[in-house]
PDB file of all heavy atoms in Angstrom:
ATOM      1  N   GLU A   1      26.785 124.712  25.817  1.00  0.00           N
ATOM      2  CA  GLU A   1      27.565 123.479  25.635  1.00  0.00           C
ATOM      3  C   GLU A   1      28.744 123.667  24.683  1.00  0.00           C
ATOM      4  O   GLU A   1      29.770 123.008  24.808  1.00  0.00           O
ATOM      5  CB  GLU A   1      26.662 122.346  25.108  1.00  0.00           C
ATOM      6  CG  GLU A   1      25.611 121.888  26.077  1.00  0.00           C
ATOM      7  CD  GLU A   1      26.153 121.018  27.189  1.00  0.00           C
ATOM      8  OE1 GLU A   1      27.272 120.487  27.074  1.00  0.00           O
ATOM      9  OE2 GLU A   1      25.435 120.878  28.197  1.00  0.00           O
ATOM     10  N   LYS A   2      28.608 124.581  23.700  1.00  0.00           N
ATOM     11  CA  LYS A   2      29.688 124.800  22.730  1.00  0.00           C
ATOM     12  C   LYS A   2      30.967 125.280  23.414  1.00  0.00           C
ATOM     13  O   LYS A   2      32.052 125.049  22.912  1.00  0.00           O
ATOM     14  CB  LYS A   2      29.270 125.800  21.648  1.00  0.00           C
ATOM     15  CG  LYS A   2      28.221 125.276  20.701  1.00  0.00           C
ATOM     16  CD  LYS A   2      27.957 126.250  19.586  1.00  0.00           C
ATOM     17  CE  LYS A   2      27.059 127.348  20.108  1.00  0.00           C
ATOM     18  NZ  LYS A   2      26.652 128.319  19.095  1.00  0.00           N
ATOM     19  N   LEU A   3      30.826 125.925  24.552  1.00  0.00           N
ATOM     20  CA  LEU A   3      31.992 126.429  25.258  1.00  0.00           C
ATOM     21  C   LEU A   3      32.888 125.298  25.751  1.00  0.00           C
ATOM     22  O   LEU A   3      34.089 125.473  25.897  1.00  0.00           O
ATOM     23  CB  LEU A   3      31.560 127.306  26.432  1.00  0.00           C
ATOM     24  CG  LEU A   3      32.596 128.300  26.894  1.00  0.00           C
ATOM     25  CD1 LEU A   3      32.897 129.309  25.796  1.00  0.00           C
ATOM     26  CD2 LEU A   3      32.149 129.001  28.135  1.00  0.00           C
ATOM     27  N   SER A   4      32.320 124.126  25.979  1.00  0.00           N
ATOM     28  CA  SER A   4      33.119 122.987  26.435  1.00  0.00           C
ATOM     29  C   SER A   4      34.114 122.551  25.370  1.00  0.00           C
ATOM     30  O   SER A   4      35.112 121.900  25.664  1.00  0.00           O
ATOM     31  CB  SER A   4      32.223 121.816  26.833  1.00  0.00           C
ATOM     32  OG  SER A   4      31.554 121.291  25.701  1.00  0.00           O
ATOM     33  N   GLU A   5      33.865 122.925  24.120  1.00  0.00           N
ATOM     34  CA  GLU A   5      34.765 122.573  23.026  1.00  0.00           C
ATOM     35  C   GLU A   5      35.884 123.592  22.845  1.00  0.00           C
ATOM     36  O   GLU A   5      36.814 123.360  22.087  1.00  0.00           O
ATOM     37  CB  GLU A   5      33.967 122.461  21.721  1.00  0.00           C
ATOM     38  CG  GLU A   5      32.889 121.405  21.787  1.00  0.00           C
ATOM     39  CD  GLU A   5      31.913 121.482  20.625  1.00  0.00           C
ATOM     40  OE1 GLU A   5      32.159 122.256  19.686  1.00  0.00           O
ATOM     41  OE2 GLU A   5      30.905 120.766  20.674  1.00  0.00           O
ATOM     42  N   CYS A   6      35.800 124.715  23.547  1.00  0.00           N
ATOM     43  CA  CYS A   6      36.814 125.763  23.430  1.00  0.00           C
ATOM     44  C   CYS A   6      38.088 125.355  24.174  1.00  0.00           C
ATOM     45  O   CYS A   6      38.029 124.837  25.282  1.00  0.00           O
ATOM     46  CB  CYS A   6      36.318 127.079  24.031  1.00  0.00           C
ATOM     47  SG  CYS A   6      35.036 127.878  23.080  1.00  0.00           S
ATOM     48  N   ASN A   7      39.224 125.630  23.537  1.00  0.00           N
ATOM     49  CA  ASN A   7      40.486 125.391  24.229  1.00  0.00           C
ATOM     50  C   ASN A   7      40.847 126.632  25.041  1.00  0.00           C
ATOM     51  O   ASN A   7      40.165 127.653  24.994  1.00  0.00           O
ATOM     52  CB  ASN A   7      41.588 125.009  23.242  1.00  0.00           C
ATOM     53  CG  ASN A   7      41.868 126.097  22.220  1.00  0.00           C
ATOM     54  OD1 ASN A   7      41.570 127.270  22.443  1.00  0.00           O
ATOM     55  ND2 ASN A   7      42.442 125.725  21.098  1.00  0.00           N
ATOM     56  N   SER A   8      41.917 126.557  25.787  1.00  0.00           N
ATOM     57  CA  SER A   8      42.328 127.664  26.654  1.00  0.00           C
ATOM     58  C   SER A   8      42.616 128.929  25.862  1.00  0.00           C
ATOM     59  O   SER A   8      42.318 130.038  26.323  1.00  0.00           O
ATOM     60  CB  SER A   8      43.562 127.269  27.461  1.00  0.00           C
ATOM     61  OG  SER A   8      43.243 126.226  28.347  1.00  0.00           O
ATOM     62  N   ASP A   9      43.189 128.795  24.657  1.00  0.00           N
ATOM     63  CA  ASP A   9      43.484 129.973  23.838  1.00  0.00           C
ATOM     64  C   ASP A   9      42.209 130.717  23.456  1.00  0.00           C
ATOM     65  O   ASP A   9      42.171 131.945  23.473  1.00  0.00           O
ATOM     66  CB  ASP A   9      44.246 129.581  22.573  1.00  0.00           C
ATOM     67  CG  ASP A   9      45.675 129.156  22.860  1.00  0.00           C
ATOM     68  OD1 ASP A   9      46.196 129.501  23.936  1.00  0.00           O
ATOM     69  OD2 ASP A   9      46.271 128.477  21.995  1.00  0.00           O
ATOM     70  N   LYS A  10      41.159 129.996  23.111  1.00  0.00           N
ATOM     71  CA  LYS A  10      39.902 130.626  22.726  1.00  0.00           C
ATOM     72  C   LYS A  10      39.264 131.326  23.929  1.00  0.00           C
ATOM     73  O   LYS A  10      38.751 132.448  23.811  1.00  0.00           O
ATOM     74  CB  LYS A  10      38.942 129.593  22.128  1.00  0.00           C
ATOM     75  CG  LYS A  10      37.601 130.164  21.709  1.00  0.00           C
ATOM     76  CD  LYS A  10      37.744 131.225  20.632  1.00  0.00           C
ATOM     77  CE  LYS A  10      36.385 131.756  20.230  1.00  0.00           C
ATOM     78  NZ  LYS A  10      36.495 132.958  19.420  1.00  0.00           N
ATOM     79  N   LEU A  11      39.302 130.688  25.091  1.00  0.00           N
ATOM     80  CA  LEU A  11      38.751 131.309  26.284  1.00  0.00           C
ATOM     81  C   LEU A  11      39.546 132.564  26.648  1.00  0.00           C
ATOM     82  O   LEU A  11      38.970 133.586  27.030  1.00  0.00           O
ATOM     83  CB  LEU A  11      38.742 130.322  27.449  1.00  0.00           C
ATOM     84  CG  LEU A  11      37.790 129.142  27.305  1.00  0.00           C
ATOM     85  CD1 LEU A  11      37.972 128.173  28.465  1.00  0.00           C
ATOM     86  CD2 LEU A  11      36.348 129.618  27.226  1.00  0.00           C
ATOM     87  N   MET A  12      40.861 132.504  26.492  1.00  0.00           N
ATOM     88  CA  MET A  12      41.704 133.673  26.764  1.00  0.00           C
ATOM     89  C   MET A  12      41.388 134.801  25.785  1.00  0.00           C
ATOM     90  O   MET A  12      41.371 135.977  26.158  1.00  0.00           O
ATOM     91  CB  MET A  12      43.184 133.294  26.676  1.00  0.00           C
ATOM     92  CG  MET A  12      44.104 134.396  27.136  1.00  0.00           C
ATOM     93  SD  MET A  12      43.860 134.873  28.859  1.00  0.00           S
ATOM     94  CE  MET A  12      44.608 133.510  29.693  1.00  0.00           C
ATOM     95  N   GLU A  13      41.103 134.445  24.556  1.00  0.00           N
ATOM     96  CA  GLU A  13      40.720 135.438  23.551  1.00  0.00           C
ATOM     97  C   GLU A  13      39.416 136.139  23.952  1.00  0.00           C
ATOM     98  O   GLU A  13      39.286 137.356  23.805  1.00  0.00           O
ATOM     99  CB  GLU A  13      40.555 134.737  22.199  1.00  0.00           C
ATOM    100  CG  GLU A  13      40.307 135.650  21.041  1.00  0.00           C
ATOM    101  CD  GLU A  13      40.189 134.865  19.748  1.00  0.00           C
ATOM    102  OE1 GLU A  13      41.118 134.100  19.431  1.00  0.00           O
ATOM    103  OE2 GLU A  13      39.157 135.022  19.061  1.00  0.00           O
ATOM    104  N   ILE A  14      38.468 135.387  24.476  1.00  0.00           N
ATOM    105  CA  ILE A  14      37.195 135.961  24.928  1.00  0.00           C
ATOM    106  C   ILE A  14      37.436 136.941  26.068  1.00  0.00           C
ATOM    107  O   ILE A  14      36.883 138.040  26.087  1.00  0.00           O
ATOM    108  CB  ILE A  14      36.215 134.843  25.346  1.00  0.00           C
ATOM    109  CG1 ILE A  14      35.780 134.042  24.120  1.00  0.00           C
ATOM    110  CG2 ILE A  14      35.007 135.423  26.072  1.00  0.00           C
ATOM    111  CD1 ILE A  14      35.037 132.764  24.444  1.00  0.00           C
ATOM    112  N   ILE A  15      38.289 136.564  27.017  1.00  0.00           N
ATOM    113  CA  ILE A  15      38.602 137.446  28.138  1.00  0.00           C
ATOM    114  C   ILE A  15      39.330 138.695  27.643  1.00  0.00           C
ATOM    115  O   ILE A  15      39.005 139.814  28.034  1.00  0.00           O
ATOM    116  CB  ILE A  15      39.448 136.709  29.201  1.00  0.00           C
ATOM    117  CG1 ILE A  15      38.646 135.580  29.840  1.00  0.00           C
ATOM    118  CG2 ILE A  15      39.970 137.677  30.252  1.00  0.00           C
ATOM    119  CD1 ILE A  15      37.395 136.016  30.552  1.00  0.00           C
ATOM    120  N   ALA A  16      40.319 138.522  26.770  1.00  0.00           N
ATOM    121  CA  ALA A  16      41.074 139.667  26.248  1.00  0.00           C
ATOM    122  C   ALA A  16      40.166 140.604  25.458  1.00  0.00           C
ATOM    123  O   ALA A  16      40.290 141.831  25.553  1.00  0.00           O
ATOM    124  CB  ALA A  16      42.226 139.178  25.385  1.00  0.00           C
ATOM    125  N   GLU A  17      39.246 140.038  24.688  1.00  0.00           N
ATOM    126  CA  GLU A  17      38.305 140.847  23.902  1.00  0.00           C
ATOM    127  C   GLU A  17      37.438 141.723  24.807  1.00  0.00           C
ATOM    128  O   GLU A  17      37.099 142.854  24.449  1.00  0.00           O
ATOM    129  CB  GLU A  17      37.423 139.913  23.081  1.00  0.00           C
ATOM    130  CG  GLU A  17      36.446 140.599  22.172  1.00  0.00           C
ATOM    131  CD  GLU A  17      35.608 139.583  21.423  1.00  0.00           C
ATOM    132  OE1 GLU A  17      36.140 138.987  20.463  1.00  0.00           O
ATOM    133  OE2 GLU A  17      34.438 139.385  21.799  1.00  0.00           O
ATOM    134  N   SER A  18      37.126 141.238  25.977  1.00  0.00           N
ATOM    135  CA  SER A  18      36.284 142.021  26.892  1.00  0.00           C
ATOM    136  C   SER A  18      36.973 143.317  27.305  1.00  0.00           C
ATOM    137  O   SER A  18      36.301 144.302  27.633  1.00  0.00           O
ATOM    138  CB  SER A  18      35.911 141.196  28.127  1.00  0.00           C
ATOM    139  OG  SER A  18      37.030 141.013  28.978  1.00  0.00           O
ATOM    140  N   ASP A  19      38.298 143.345  27.286  1.00  0.00           N
ATOM    141  CA  ASP A  19      39.031 144.563  27.655  1.00  0.00           C
ATOM    142  C   ASP A  19      38.678 145.746  26.764  1.00  0.00           C
ATOM    143  O   ASP A  19      38.800 146.890  27.186  1.00  0.00           O
ATOM    144  CB  ASP A  19      40.541 144.331  27.598  1.00  0.00           C
ATOM    145  CG  ASP A  19      41.037 143.491  28.767  1.00  0.00           C
ATOM    146  OD1 ASP A  19      40.313 143.380  29.776  1.00  0.00           O
ATOM    147  OD2 ASP A  19      42.155 142.961  28.665  1.00  0.00           O
ATOM    148  N   TYR A  20      38.261 145.480  25.544  1.00  0.00           N
ATOM    149  CA  TYR A  20      37.900 146.560  24.630  1.00  0.00           C
ATOM    150  C   TYR A  20      36.551 147.186  24.981  1.00  0.00           C
ATOM    151  O   TYR A  20      36.255 148.291  24.548  1.00  0.00           O
ATOM    152  CB  TYR A  20      37.852 146.059  23.182  1.00  0.00           C
ATOM    153  CG  TYR A  20      39.200 145.677  22.645  1.00  0.00           C
ATOM    154  CD1 TYR A  20      39.527 144.342  22.434  1.00  0.00           C
ATOM    155  CD2 TYR A  20      40.160 146.639  22.348  1.00  0.00           C
ATOM    156  CE1 TYR A  20      40.773 143.981  21.945  1.00  0.00           C
ATOM    157  CE2 TYR A  20      41.408 146.288  21.857  1.00  0.00           C
ATOM    158  CZ  TYR A  20      41.702 144.958  21.663  1.00  0.00           C
ATOM    159  OH  TYR A  20      42.940 144.608  21.180  1.00  0.00           O
ATOM    160  N   TYR A  21      35.741 146.483  25.746  1.00  0.00           N
ATOM    161  CA  TYR A  21      34.376 146.930  26.013  1.00  0.00           C
ATOM    162  C   TYR A  21      34.090 147.245  27.486  1.00  0.00           C
ATOM    163  O   TYR A  21      33.090 147.891  27.786  1.00  0.00           O
ATOM    164  CB  TYR A  21      33.376 145.874  25.534  1.00  0.00           C
ATOM    165  CG  TYR A  21      33.545 145.564  24.081  1.00  0.00           C
ATOM    166  CD1 TYR A  21      34.244 144.436  23.664  1.00  0.00           C
ATOM    167  CD2 TYR A  21      33.052 146.425  23.107  1.00  0.00           C
ATOM    168  CE1 TYR A  21      34.419 144.169  22.312  1.00  0.00           C
ATOM    169  CE2 TYR A  21      33.229 146.159  21.763  1.00  0.00           C
ATOM    170  CZ  TYR A  21      33.912 145.028  21.375  1.00  0.00           C
ATOM    171  OH  TYR A  21      34.101 144.764  20.043  1.00  0.00           O
ATOM    172  N   VAL A  22      34.947 146.782  28.368  1.00  0.00           N
ATOM    173  CA  VAL A  22      34.749 146.982  29.802  1.00  0.00           C
ATOM    174  C   VAL A  22      35.569 148.189  30.251  1.00  0.00           C
ATOM    175  O   VAL A  22      36.730 148.322  29.886  1.00  0.00           O
ATOM    176  CB  VAL A  22      35.167 145.713  30.584  1.00  0.00           C
ATOM    177  CG1 VAL A  22      35.128 145.952  32.073  1.00  0.00           C
ATOM    178  CG2 VAL A  22      34.277 144.545  30.213  1.00  0.00           C
ATOM    179  N   LYS A  23      34.951 149.059  31.053  1.00  0.00           N
ATOM    180  CA  LYS A  23      35.655 150.234  31.560  1.00  0.00           C
ATOM    181  C   LYS A  23      36.841 149.812  32.421  1.00  0.00           C
ATOM    182  O   LYS A  23      36.824 148.755  33.054  1.00  0.00           O
ATOM    183  CB  LYS A  23      34.721 151.085  32.419  1.00  0.00           C
ATOM    184  CG  LYS A  23      33.543 151.658  31.709  1.00  0.00           C
ATOM    185  CD  LYS A  23      32.727 152.545  32.623  1.00  0.00           C
ATOM    186  CE  LYS A  23      32.263 151.798  33.847  1.00  0.00           C
ATOM    187  NZ  LYS A  23      31.366 152.546  34.717  1.00  0.00           N
ATOM    188  N   SER A  24      37.844 150.674  32.466  1.00  0.00           N
ATOM    189  CA  SER A  24      38.968 150.405  33.363  1.00  0.00           C
ATOM    190  C   SER A  24      38.523 150.684  34.794  1.00  0.00           C
ATOM    191  O   SER A  24      37.647 151.506  35.047  1.00  0.00           O
ATOM    192  CB  SER A  24      40.184 151.254  32.987  1.00  0.00           C
ATOM    193  OG  SER A  24      39.892 152.619  33.110  1.00  0.00           O
ATOM    194  N   THR A  25      39.148 150.010  35.737  1.00  0.00           N
ATOM    195  CA  THR A  25      38.786 150.176  37.144  1.00  0.00           C
ATOM    196  C   THR A  25      39.591 151.282  37.813  1.00  0.00           C
ATOM    197  O   THR A  25      39.222 151.756  38.871  1.00  0.00           O
ATOM    198  CB  THR A  25      39.024 148.876  37.930  1.00  0.00           C
ATOM    199  OG1 THR A  25      40.431 148.594  37.920  1.00  0.00           O
ATOM    200  CG2 THR A  25      38.239 147.714  37.340  1.00  0.00           C
ATOM    201  N   VAL A  26      40.712 151.654  37.232  1.00  0.00           N
ATOM    202  CA  VAL A  26      41.642 152.651  37.750  1.00  0.00           C
ATOM    203  C   VAL A  26      42.245 152.197  39.092  1.00  0.00           C
ATOM    204  O   VAL A  26      42.746 152.988  39.867  1.00  0.00           O
ATOM    205  CB  VAL A  26      40.990 154.053  37.879  1.00  0.00           C
ATOM    206  CG1 VAL A  26      42.036 155.126  38.085  1.00  0.00           C
ATOM    207  CG2 VAL A  26      40.159 154.393  36.658  1.00  0.00           C
ATOM    208  N   LEU A  27      42.200 150.915  39.365  1.00  0.00           N
ATOM    209  CA  LEU A  27      42.749 150.351  40.598  1.00  0.00           C
ATOM    210  C   LEU A  27      44.087 149.675  40.316  1.00  0.00           C
ATOM    211  O   LEU A  27      44.408 149.352  39.167  1.00  0.00           O
ATOM    212  CB  LEU A  27      41.774 149.321  41.181  1.00  0.00           C
ATOM    213  CG  LEU A  27      40.427 149.863  41.632  1.00  0.00           C
ATOM    214  CD1 LEU A  27      39.480 148.721  41.946  1.00  0.00           C
ATOM    215  CD2 LEU A  27      40.601 150.769  42.841  1.00  0.00           C
ATOM    216  N   ARG A  28      44.851 149.438  41.357  1.00  0.00           N
ATOM    217  CA  ARG A  28      46.108 148.701  41.236  1.00  0.00           C
ATOM    218  C   ARG A  28      45.782 147.272  40.795  1.00  0.00           C
ATOM    219  O   ARG A  28      44.917 146.618  41.386  1.00  0.00           O
ATOM    220  CB  ARG A  28      46.839 148.703  42.561  1.00  0.00           C
ATOM    221  CG  ARG A  28      48.193 148.057  42.489  1.00  0.00           C
ATOM    222  CD  ARG A  28      48.868 148.071  43.866  1.00  0.00           C
ATOM    223  NE  ARG A  28      50.246 147.713  43.694  1.00  0.00           N
ATOM    224  CZ  ARG A  28      51.235 148.575  43.599  1.00  0.00           C
ATOM    225  NH1 ARG A  28      50.995 149.864  43.701  1.00  0.00           N
ATOM    226  NH2 ARG A  28      52.466 148.164  43.419  1.00  0.00           N
ATOM    227  N   THR A  29      46.442 146.805  39.755  1.00  0.00           N
ATOM    228  CA  THR A  29      46.131 145.487  39.205  1.00  0.00           C
ATOM    229  C   THR A  29      46.757 144.368  40.040  1.00  0.00           C
ATOM    230  O   THR A  29      47.663 144.595  40.841  1.00  0.00           O
ATOM    231  CB  THR A  29      46.631 145.354  37.755  1.00  0.00           C
ATOM    232  OG1 THR A  29      48.035 145.595  37.727  1.00  0.00           O
ATOM    233  CG2 THR A  29      45.922 146.314  36.839  1.00  0.00           C
ATOM    234  N   SER A  30      46.258 143.185  39.810  1.00  0.00           N
ATOM    235  CA  SER A  30      46.798 141.975  40.425  1.00  0.00           C
ATOM    236  C   SER A  30      46.533 140.829  39.461  1.00  0.00           C
ATOM    237  O   SER A  30      45.716 140.946  38.551  1.00  0.00           O
ATOM    238  CB  SER A  30      46.135 141.713  41.778  1.00  0.00           C
ATOM    239  OG  SER A  30      44.753 141.532  41.626  1.00  0.00           O
TER     240      SER A  30
END
């Protein structure tokens, strides 16, 4: 439920943070 209080910037921060931990796909991006 706490996620409902997050604004778009906070959600974007969570997604961007995942880039540090998720392997690259080596595929053409979109």
